[in-house]
Amino acid sequence: MMPRLRMLLAVSLLVNVFAVGAIGGGLFMLSRSGGLRAHPAMHPALRAAGDGLPAPDRARFRLAIRTVMQDSRDLVVTARLGRAAAADLFVQPVFDQAGVLAALERARIADLELRRRLETTAVQVAASLPVEERVSLARGLERGGPLRHPRYPAPATH
């Protein structure tokens, strides 16, 4: 009986070690992917837009964008919940078109307000920069921010 009990305890210990490792690993992965963040992350395209600025201005730009994101948590949550509600309504047996459109409208309004706040903040920071640094910021914003637009060839003149 004693060897069997030891074997059972060893197996139980091994299973518990794997369970603790799996839970710990899962929590680590969630924390790395942003699943456990207390506040929304800084907008990645705007973060990258400031990469060409000198260190003090880059830090000031990133802090301003991060502050807007933190202050706009409610908008991020509202937009996320609106999209989730719309997705849930899509798979219901009876399709509620008005409900889906209303949920998407809530998400769109929140997204647009967040964008307005981010763009306003980026412009306010840019207003305090010398022209050379504004050029650098503009190039970054063209790559992944509010100044991004498709490059069309110039119209032919006749």
N, C-alpha and C. Protein backbone atom coordinates (compact mmCIF):
# COMPACT_ATOMS: atom_id res chain seq x y z
N MET A 1 0.82 -1.19 0.00
CA MET A 1 0.00 0.00 0.00
C MET A 1 0.87 1.26 0.00
N MET A 2 1.96 1.25 0.73
CA MET A 2 2.83 2.41 0.84
C MET A 2 3.46 2.79 -0.50
N PRO A 3 3.99 1.86 -1.32
CA PRO A 3 4.55 2.24 -2.63
C PRO A 3 3.46 2.82 -3.55
N ARG A 4 2.28 2.28 -3.45
CA ARG A 4 1.18 2.76 -4.29
C ARG A 4 0.81 4.20 -3.90
N LEU A 5 0.82 4.50 -2.60
CA LEU A 5 0.51 5.85 -2.11
C LEU A 5 1.59 6.84 -2.57
N ARG A 6 2.85 6.38 -2.51
CA ARG A 6 3.94 7.26 -2.97
C ARG A 6 3.81 7.55 -4.46
N MET A 7 3.48 6.54 -5.21
CA MET A 7 3.30 6.72 -6.66
C MET A 7 2.16 7.69 -6.93
N LEU A 8 1.07 7.56 -6.22
CA LEU A 8 -0.07 8.44 -6.37
C LEU A 8 0.29 9.88 -6.00
N LEU A 9 1.04 10.04 -4.93
CA LEU A 9 1.48 11.37 -4.53
C LEU A 9 2.43 11.99 -5.56
N ALA A 10 3.32 11.18 -6.12
CA ALA A 10 4.25 11.65 -7.14
C ALA A 10 3.49 12.11 -8.39
N VAL A 11 2.52 11.31 -8.81
CA VAL A 11 1.72 11.67 -9.98
C VAL A 11 0.93 12.95 -9.69
N SER A 12 0.34 13.03 -8.51
CA SER A 12 -0.42 14.22 -8.12
C SER A 12 0.48 15.46 -8.11
N LEU A 13 1.67 15.34 -7.57
CA LEU A 13 2.62 16.45 -7.54
C LEU A 13 2.99 16.87 -8.96
N LEU A 14 3.24 15.90 -9.82
CA LEU A 14 3.59 16.19 -11.21
C LEU A 14 2.45 16.91 -11.94
N VAL A 15 1.23 16.45 -11.74
CA VAL A 15 0.07 17.09 -12.36
C VAL A 15 -0.10 18.51 -11.83
N ASN A 16 0.07 18.70 -10.53
CA ASN A 16 -0.06 20.03 -9.95
C ASN A 16 1.01 20.98 -10.47
N VAL A 17 2.23 20.49 -10.63
CA VAL A 17 3.31 21.32 -11.17
C VAL A 17 2.97 21.77 -12.59
N PHE A 18 2.46 20.84 -13.41
CA PHE A 18 2.07 21.21 -14.77
C PHE A 18 0.89 22.18 -14.77
N ALA A 19 -0.06 21.98 -13.87
CA ALA A 19 -1.22 22.87 -13.80
C ALA A 19 -0.79 24.28 -13.40
N VAL A 20 0.08 24.39 -12.40
CA VAL A 20 0.57 25.70 -11.97
C VAL A 20 1.37 26.35 -13.10
N GLY A 21 2.17 25.57 -13.80
CA GLY A 21 2.94 26.09 -14.93
C GLY A 21 2.04 26.58 -16.05
N ALA A 22 0.99 25.83 -16.35
CA ALA A 22 0.07 26.22 -17.41
C ALA A 22 -0.68 27.50 -17.03
N ILE A 23 -1.13 27.60 -15.81
CA ILE A 23 -1.85 28.79 -15.35
C ILE A 23 -0.90 30.00 -15.35
N GLY A 24 0.29 29.80 -14.81
CA GLY A 24 1.27 30.88 -14.79
C GLY A 24 1.65 31.32 -16.20
N GLY A 25 1.87 30.36 -17.08
CA GLY A 25 2.21 30.69 -18.47
C GLY A 25 1.08 31.41 -19.17
N GLY A 26 -0.14 30.97 -18.92
CA GLY A 26 -1.30 31.64 -19.52
C GLY A 26 -1.43 33.07 -19.03
N LEU A 27 -1.24 33.28 -17.74
CA LEU A 27 -1.31 34.65 -17.20
C LEU A 27 -0.18 35.51 -17.76
N PHE A 28 0.99 34.95 -17.91
CA PHE A 28 2.11 35.68 -18.48
C PHE A 28 1.81 36.08 -19.92
N MET A 29 1.28 35.14 -20.71
CA MET A 29 0.96 35.44 -22.10
C MET A 29 -0.14 36.50 -22.19
N LEU A 30 -1.13 36.42 -21.33
CA LEU A 30 -2.19 37.43 -21.32
C LEU A 30 -1.62 38.81 -20.99
N SER A 31 -0.73 38.86 -20.02
CA SER A 31 -0.17 40.15 -19.64
C SER A 31 0.70 40.71 -20.76
N ARG A 32 1.38 39.86 -21.52
CA ARG A 32 2.23 40.32 -22.62
C ARG A 32 1.41 40.76 -23.82
N SER A 33 0.24 40.13 -24.02
CA SER A 33 -0.58 40.47 -25.18
C SER A 33 -1.54 41.61 -24.91
N GLY A 34 -1.58 42.08 -23.69
CA GLY A 34 -2.45 43.19 -23.37
C GLY A 34 -3.79 42.76 -22.81
N GLY A 35 -4.01 41.47 -22.64
CA GLY A 35 -5.29 40.99 -22.13
C GLY A 35 -5.58 41.41 -20.71
N LEU A 36 -4.56 41.73 -19.93
CA LEU A 36 -4.76 42.11 -18.53
C LEU A 36 -4.44 43.57 -18.28
N ARG A 37 -4.35 44.37 -19.32
CA ARG A 37 -4.00 45.77 -19.12
C ARG A 37 -5.09 46.51 -18.38
N ALA A 38 -4.69 47.37 -17.49
CA ALA A 38 -5.64 48.18 -16.75
C ALA A 38 -6.11 49.37 -17.58
N HIS A 39 -5.35 49.75 -18.59
CA HIS A 39 -5.73 50.87 -19.43
C HIS A 39 -5.35 50.55 -20.86
N PRO A 40 -5.97 51.20 -21.81
CA PRO A 40 -5.62 50.93 -23.20
C PRO A 40 -4.19 51.34 -23.51
N ALA A 41 -3.59 50.63 -24.41
CA ALA A 41 -2.22 50.95 -24.80
C ALA A 41 -2.21 52.20 -25.66
N MET A 42 -1.05 52.75 -25.80
CA MET A 42 -0.92 53.92 -26.65
C MET A 42 -1.19 53.49 -28.09
N HIS A 43 -1.80 54.35 -28.87
CA HIS A 43 -2.12 54.06 -30.26
C HIS A 43 -0.82 53.75 -30.99
N PRO A 44 -0.67 52.53 -31.54
CA PRO A 44 0.63 52.14 -32.12
C PRO A 44 1.06 52.97 -33.32
N ALA A 45 0.14 53.36 -34.19
CA ALA A 45 0.53 54.15 -35.36
C ALA A 45 1.04 55.52 -34.94
N LEU A 46 0.38 56.12 -33.95
CA LEU A 46 0.84 57.43 -33.49
C LEU A 46 2.15 57.31 -32.72
N ARG A 47 2.32 56.22 -32.00
CA ARG A 47 3.58 56.02 -31.29
C ARG A 47 4.73 55.98 -32.30
N ALA A 48 4.54 55.23 -33.36
CA ALA A 48 5.58 55.11 -34.39
C ALA A 48 5.79 56.43 -35.12
N ALA A 49 4.74 57.23 -35.23
CA ALA A 49 4.85 58.51 -35.94
C ALA A 49 5.85 59.43 -35.27
N GLY A 50 5.99 59.33 -33.97
CA GLY A 50 6.91 60.20 -33.24
C GLY A 50 8.33 59.68 -33.17
N ASP A 51 8.61 58.54 -33.80
CA ASP A 51 9.94 57.93 -33.70
C ASP A 51 11.06 58.82 -34.24
N GLY A 52 10.77 59.67 -35.21
CA GLY A 52 11.80 60.51 -35.80
C GLY A 52 12.11 61.77 -35.01
N LEU A 53 11.35 62.01 -33.95
CA LEU A 53 11.58 63.22 -33.14
C LEU A 53 12.77 63.04 -32.22
N PRO A 54 13.44 64.13 -31.81
CA PRO A 54 14.50 64.04 -30.80
C PRO A 54 13.90 63.48 -29.50
N ALA A 55 14.74 62.84 -28.69
CA ALA A 55 14.28 62.13 -27.49
C ALA A 55 13.33 62.94 -26.60
N PRO A 56 13.64 64.19 -26.24
CA PRO A 56 12.72 64.91 -25.35
C PRO A 56 11.35 65.16 -25.98
N ASP A 57 11.34 65.51 -27.27
CA ASP A 57 10.07 65.76 -27.95
C ASP A 57 9.32 64.46 -28.20
N ARG A 58 10.06 63.40 -28.49
CA ARG A 58 9.43 62.08 -28.68
C ARG A 58 8.75 61.65 -27.39
N ALA A 59 9.44 61.85 -26.27
CA ALA A 59 8.85 61.48 -24.97
C ALA A 59 7.61 62.33 -24.67
N ARG A 60 7.67 63.60 -24.98
CA ARG A 60 6.53 64.50 -24.74
C ARG A 60 5.35 64.10 -25.64
N PHE A 61 5.64 63.78 -26.90
CA PHE A 61 4.60 63.36 -27.84
C PHE A 61 3.94 62.07 -27.36
N ARG A 62 4.77 61.10 -27.00
CA ARG A 62 4.23 59.81 -26.55
C ARG A 62 3.43 59.95 -25.27
N LEU A 63 3.91 60.79 -24.35
CA LEU A 63 3.17 61.02 -23.11
C LEU A 63 1.81 61.64 -23.40
N ALA A 64 1.77 62.60 -24.31
CA ALA A 64 0.50 63.25 -24.66
C ALA A 64 -0.48 62.24 -25.26
N ILE A 65 -0.01 61.40 -26.17
CA ILE A 65 -0.88 60.39 -26.80
C ILE A 65 -1.33 59.37 -25.76
N ARG A 66 -0.38 58.93 -24.92
CA ARG A 66 -0.72 57.95 -23.87
C ARG A 66 -1.77 58.52 -22.91
N THR A 67 -1.63 59.79 -22.57
CA THR A 67 -2.58 60.43 -21.66
C THR A 67 -3.97 60.45 -22.28
N VAL A 68 -4.05 60.78 -23.56
CA VAL A 68 -5.36 60.77 -24.23
C VAL A 68 -5.96 59.36 -24.19
N MET A 69 -5.15 58.36 -24.46
CA MET A 69 -5.66 56.98 -24.44
C MET A 69 -6.15 56.61 -23.04
N GLN A 70 -5.40 56.99 -22.01
CA GLN A 70 -5.82 56.68 -20.65
C GLN A 70 -7.09 57.43 -20.27
N ASP A 71 -7.18 58.69 -20.68
CA ASP A 71 -8.35 59.49 -20.36
C ASP A 71 -9.57 59.07 -21.18
N SER A 72 -9.35 58.31 -22.24
CA SER A 72 -10.44 57.91 -23.13
C SER A 72 -10.80 56.44 -22.98
N ARG A 73 -10.47 55.87 -21.85
CA ARG A 73 -10.80 54.46 -21.60
C ARG A 73 -12.26 54.15 -21.89
N ASP A 74 -13.14 55.08 -21.46
CA ASP A 74 -14.57 54.85 -21.64
C ASP A 74 -14.92 54.73 -23.12
N LEU A 75 -14.27 55.50 -23.97
CA LEU A 75 -14.53 55.41 -25.41
C LEU A 75 -14.04 54.09 -25.99
N VAL A 76 -12.88 53.65 -25.53
CA VAL A 76 -12.33 52.38 -26.01
C VAL A 76 -13.27 51.24 -25.62
N VAL A 77 -13.74 51.27 -24.38
CA VAL A 77 -14.65 50.22 -23.89
C VAL A 77 -15.98 50.27 -24.65
N THR A 78 -16.51 51.47 -24.83
CA THR A 78 -17.79 51.62 -25.54
C THR A 78 -17.68 51.08 -26.96
N ALA A 79 -16.60 51.41 -27.65
CA ALA A 79 -16.41 50.93 -29.02
C ALA A 79 -16.28 49.41 -29.04
N ARG A 80 -15.51 48.88 -28.12
CA ARG A 80 -15.31 47.43 -28.05
C ARG A 80 -16.63 46.71 -27.77
N LEU A 81 -17.39 47.24 -26.80
CA LEU A 81 -18.68 46.63 -26.44
C LEU A 81 -19.68 46.74 -27.59
N GLY A 82 -19.66 47.86 -28.30
CA GLY A 82 -20.55 48.02 -29.45
C GLY A 82 -20.27 46.99 -30.53
N ARG A 83 -18.99 46.79 -30.83
CA ARG A 83 -18.63 45.78 -31.84
C ARG A 83 -18.97 44.38 -31.37
N ALA A 84 -18.75 44.11 -30.08
CA ALA A 84 -19.09 42.79 -29.54
C ALA A 84 -20.59 42.55 -29.59
N ALA A 85 -21.37 43.58 -29.26
CA ALA A 85 -22.83 43.44 -29.30
C ALA A 85 -23.29 43.19 -30.73
N ALA A 86 -22.72 43.89 -31.69
CA ALA A 86 -23.07 43.69 -33.09
C ALA A 86 -22.73 42.26 -33.53
N ALA A 87 -21.57 41.78 -33.13
CA ALA A 87 -21.17 40.42 -33.49
C ALA A 87 -22.12 39.40 -32.87
N ASP A 88 -22.53 39.62 -31.63
CA ASP A 88 -23.48 38.71 -30.98
C ASP A 88 -24.82 38.72 -31.70
N LEU A 89 -25.26 39.89 -32.12
CA LEU A 89 -26.55 39.98 -32.81
C LEU A 89 -26.51 39.34 -34.20
N PHE A 90 -25.36 39.32 -34.82
CA PHE A 90 -25.22 38.71 -36.14
C PHE A 90 -25.55 37.22 -36.12
N VAL A 91 -25.25 36.54 -35.03
CA VAL A 91 -25.40 35.09 -35.00
C VAL A 91 -26.70 34.63 -34.34
N GLN A 92 -27.59 35.55 -34.03
CA GLN A 92 -28.87 35.18 -33.44
C GLN A 92 -29.75 34.55 -34.52
N PRO A 93 -30.63 33.63 -34.12
CA PRO A 93 -31.52 32.98 -35.10
C PRO A 93 -32.39 34.00 -35.86
N VAL A 94 -32.87 35.00 -35.16
CA VAL A 94 -33.65 36.06 -35.81
C VAL A 94 -32.73 37.28 -35.92
N PHE A 95 -32.47 37.69 -37.15
CA PHE A 95 -31.54 38.79 -37.37
C PHE A 95 -32.20 40.12 -37.04
N ASP A 96 -31.56 40.87 -36.12
CA ASP A 96 -32.06 42.17 -35.70
C ASP A 96 -31.22 43.24 -36.37
N GLN A 97 -31.62 43.63 -37.59
CA GLN A 97 -30.86 44.59 -38.37
C GLN A 97 -30.74 45.92 -37.64
N ALA A 98 -31.82 46.40 -37.07
CA ALA A 98 -31.78 47.69 -36.35
C ALA A 98 -30.85 47.61 -35.15
N GLY A 99 -30.85 46.49 -34.44
CA GLY A 99 -29.98 46.32 -33.29
C GLY A 99 -28.51 46.30 -33.68
N VAL A 100 -28.21 45.60 -34.78
CA VAL A 100 -26.82 45.55 -35.27
C VAL A 100 -26.37 46.94 -35.67
N LEU A 101 -27.20 47.65 -36.42
CA LEU A 101 -26.83 49.00 -36.85
C LEU A 101 -26.66 49.94 -35.66
N ALA A 102 -27.51 49.81 -34.65
CA ALA A 102 -27.39 50.67 -33.46
C ALA A 102 -26.10 50.37 -32.70
N ALA A 103 -25.76 49.09 -32.56
CA ALA A 103 -24.52 48.71 -31.86
C ALA A 103 -23.31 49.22 -32.63
N LEU A 104 -23.32 49.09 -33.95
CA LEU A 104 -22.21 49.58 -34.76
C LEU A 104 -22.13 51.10 -34.72
N GLU A 105 -23.27 51.77 -34.64
CA GLU A 105 -23.28 53.23 -34.54
C GLU A 105 -22.63 53.69 -33.24
N ARG A 106 -22.94 52.99 -32.13
CA ARG A 106 -22.31 53.33 -30.84
C ARG A 106 -20.80 53.17 -30.93
N ALA A 107 -20.36 52.07 -31.55
CA ALA A 107 -18.93 51.84 -31.69
C ALA A 107 -18.28 52.91 -32.58
N ARG A 108 -18.94 53.25 -33.67
CA ARG A 108 -18.40 54.25 -34.60
C ARG A 108 -18.28 55.63 -33.95
N ILE A 109 -19.29 56.02 -33.19
CA ILE A 109 -19.26 57.32 -32.52
C ILE A 109 -18.10 57.37 -31.53
N ALA A 110 -17.92 56.29 -30.77
CA ALA A 110 -16.81 56.24 -29.80
C ALA A 110 -15.46 56.26 -30.52
N ASP A 111 -15.34 55.50 -31.62
CA ASP A 111 -14.10 55.47 -32.38
C ASP A 111 -13.76 56.86 -32.94
N LEU A 112 -14.77 57.53 -33.48
CA LEU A 112 -14.52 58.85 -34.06
C LEU A 112 -14.14 59.89 -33.00
N GLU A 113 -14.75 59.81 -31.83
CA GLU A 113 -14.40 60.74 -30.76
C GLU A 113 -12.96 60.49 -30.29
N LEU A 114 -12.59 59.23 -30.16
CA LEU A 114 -11.21 58.92 -29.78
C LEU A 114 -10.24 59.43 -30.84
N ARG A 115 -10.58 59.22 -32.09
CA ARG A 115 -9.71 59.71 -33.16
C ARG A 115 -9.59 61.24 -33.11
N ARG A 116 -10.71 61.93 -32.88
CA ARG A 116 -10.69 63.39 -32.78
C ARG A 116 -9.75 63.83 -31.66
N ARG A 117 -9.83 63.17 -30.52
CA ARG A 117 -8.97 63.53 -29.38
C ARG A 117 -7.50 63.29 -29.69
N LEU A 118 -7.20 62.14 -30.31
CA LEU A 118 -5.82 61.82 -30.65
C LEU A 118 -5.25 62.81 -31.67
N GLU A 119 -6.02 63.09 -32.70
CA GLU A 119 -5.54 64.01 -33.72
C GLU A 119 -5.36 65.42 -33.16
N THR A 120 -6.28 65.87 -32.33
CA THR A 120 -6.16 67.19 -31.72
C THR A 120 -4.89 67.27 -30.88
N THR A 121 -4.62 66.24 -30.12
CA THR A 121 -3.42 66.20 -29.28
C THR A 121 -2.16 66.20 -30.14
N ALA A 122 -2.15 65.42 -31.22
CA ALA A 122 -0.98 65.39 -32.10
C ALA A 122 -0.73 66.77 -32.71
N VAL A 123 -1.79 67.45 -33.09
CA VAL A 123 -1.65 68.79 -33.68
C VAL A 123 -1.15 69.78 -32.63
N GLN A 124 -1.65 69.68 -31.40
CA GLN A 124 -1.20 70.58 -30.33
C GLN A 124 0.29 70.40 -30.05
N VAL A 125 0.75 69.15 -30.03
CA VAL A 125 2.18 68.91 -29.81
C VAL A 125 2.97 69.43 -31.01
N ALA A 126 2.48 69.18 -32.21
CA ALA A 126 3.19 69.63 -33.41
C ALA A 126 3.32 71.15 -33.44
N ALA A 127 2.33 71.85 -32.91
CA ALA A 127 2.36 73.32 -32.92
C ALA A 127 3.53 73.87 -32.11
N SER A 128 4.04 73.07 -31.18
CA SER A 128 5.14 73.54 -30.34
C SER A 128 6.51 73.13 -30.87
N LEU A 129 6.53 72.45 -32.01
CA LEU A 129 7.79 71.95 -32.56
C LEU A 129 8.34 72.89 -33.64
N PRO A 130 9.67 72.92 -33.80
CA PRO A 130 10.24 73.66 -34.92
C PRO A 130 9.89 72.95 -36.24
N VAL A 131 10.00 73.65 -37.34
CA VAL A 131 9.55 73.13 -38.62
C VAL A 131 10.24 71.81 -39.00
N GLU A 132 11.55 71.67 -38.70
CA GLU A 132 12.26 70.43 -39.05
C GLU A 132 11.64 69.23 -38.35
N GLU A 133 11.27 69.41 -37.10
CA GLU A 133 10.67 68.31 -36.35
C GLU A 133 9.23 68.07 -36.79
N ARG A 134 8.52 69.12 -37.21
CA ARG A 134 7.17 68.93 -37.74
C ARG A 134 7.22 68.12 -39.03
N VAL A 135 8.27 68.35 -39.83
CA VAL A 135 8.44 67.58 -41.07
C VAL A 135 8.62 66.11 -40.72
N SER A 136 9.45 65.82 -39.74
CA SER A 136 9.67 64.45 -39.31
C SER A 136 8.38 63.82 -38.79
N LEU A 137 7.64 64.57 -37.98
CA LEU A 137 6.38 64.07 -37.45
C LEU A 137 5.37 63.86 -38.57
N ALA A 138 5.31 64.77 -39.52
CA ALA A 138 4.38 64.63 -40.65
C ALA A 138 4.68 63.37 -41.45
N ARG A 139 5.96 63.10 -41.67
CA ARG A 139 6.33 61.86 -42.39
C ARG A 139 5.87 60.63 -41.62
N GLY A 140 6.03 60.67 -40.31
CA GLY A 140 5.56 59.55 -39.50
C GLY A 140 4.05 59.42 -39.51
N LEU A 141 3.36 60.54 -39.48
CA LEU A 141 1.89 60.50 -39.50
C LEU A 141 1.36 60.06 -40.86
N GLU A 142 2.12 60.31 -41.92
CA GLU A 142 1.73 59.83 -43.25
C GLU A 142 1.85 58.32 -43.34
N ARG A 143 2.82 57.76 -42.63
CA ARG A 143 3.01 56.30 -42.66
C ARG A 143 1.92 55.57 -41.90
N GLY A 144 1.46 56.12 -40.78
CA GLY A 144 0.50 55.36 -40.00
C GLY A 144 -0.33 56.20 -39.08
N GLY A 145 -0.76 57.33 -39.53
CA GLY A 145 -1.55 58.20 -38.67
C GLY A 145 -2.61 58.93 -39.46
N PRO A 146 -3.09 60.04 -38.91
CA PRO A 146 -4.19 60.74 -39.55
C PRO A 146 -3.84 61.40 -40.88
N LEU A 147 -2.56 61.55 -41.21
CA LEU A 147 -2.19 62.15 -42.48
C LEU A 147 -1.98 61.10 -43.58
N ARG A 148 -2.18 59.84 -43.22
CA ARG A 148 -1.98 58.75 -44.18
C ARG A 148 -3.04 58.85 -45.26
N HIS A 149 -2.63 58.74 -46.48
CA HIS A 149 -3.55 58.74 -47.60
C HIS A 149 -2.89 58.00 -48.75
N PRO A 150 -3.70 57.45 -49.64
CA PRO A 150 -3.09 56.74 -50.76
C PRO A 150 -2.38 57.71 -51.68
N ARG A 151 -1.32 57.27 -52.24
CA ARG A 151 -0.56 58.09 -53.18
C ARG A 151 -1.09 57.85 -54.58
N TYR A 152 -1.78 58.81 -55.10
CA TYR A 152 -2.29 58.71 -56.47
C TYR A 152 -1.36 59.51 -57.37
N PRO A 153 -1.20 59.06 -58.60
CA PRO A 153 -0.38 59.86 -59.51
C PRO A 153 -1.06 61.20 -59.80
N ALA A 154 -0.27 62.18 -60.05
CA ALA A 154 -0.83 63.50 -60.35
C ALA A 154 -1.63 63.40 -61.65
N PRO A 155 -2.76 64.10 -61.70
CA PRO A 155 -3.56 64.05 -62.92
C PRO A 155 -2.78 64.62 -64.11
N ALA A 156 -2.99 64.02 -65.23
CA ALA A 156 -2.29 64.47 -66.45
C ALA A 156 -2.88 65.80 -66.89
N THR A 157 -2.00 66.69 -67.29
CA THR A 157 -2.47 68.00 -67.77
C THR A 157 -2.47 67.95 -69.30
N HIS A 158 -3.46 68.52 -69.89
CA HIS A 158 -3.57 68.51 -71.35
C HIS A 158 -3.23 69.81 -71.92
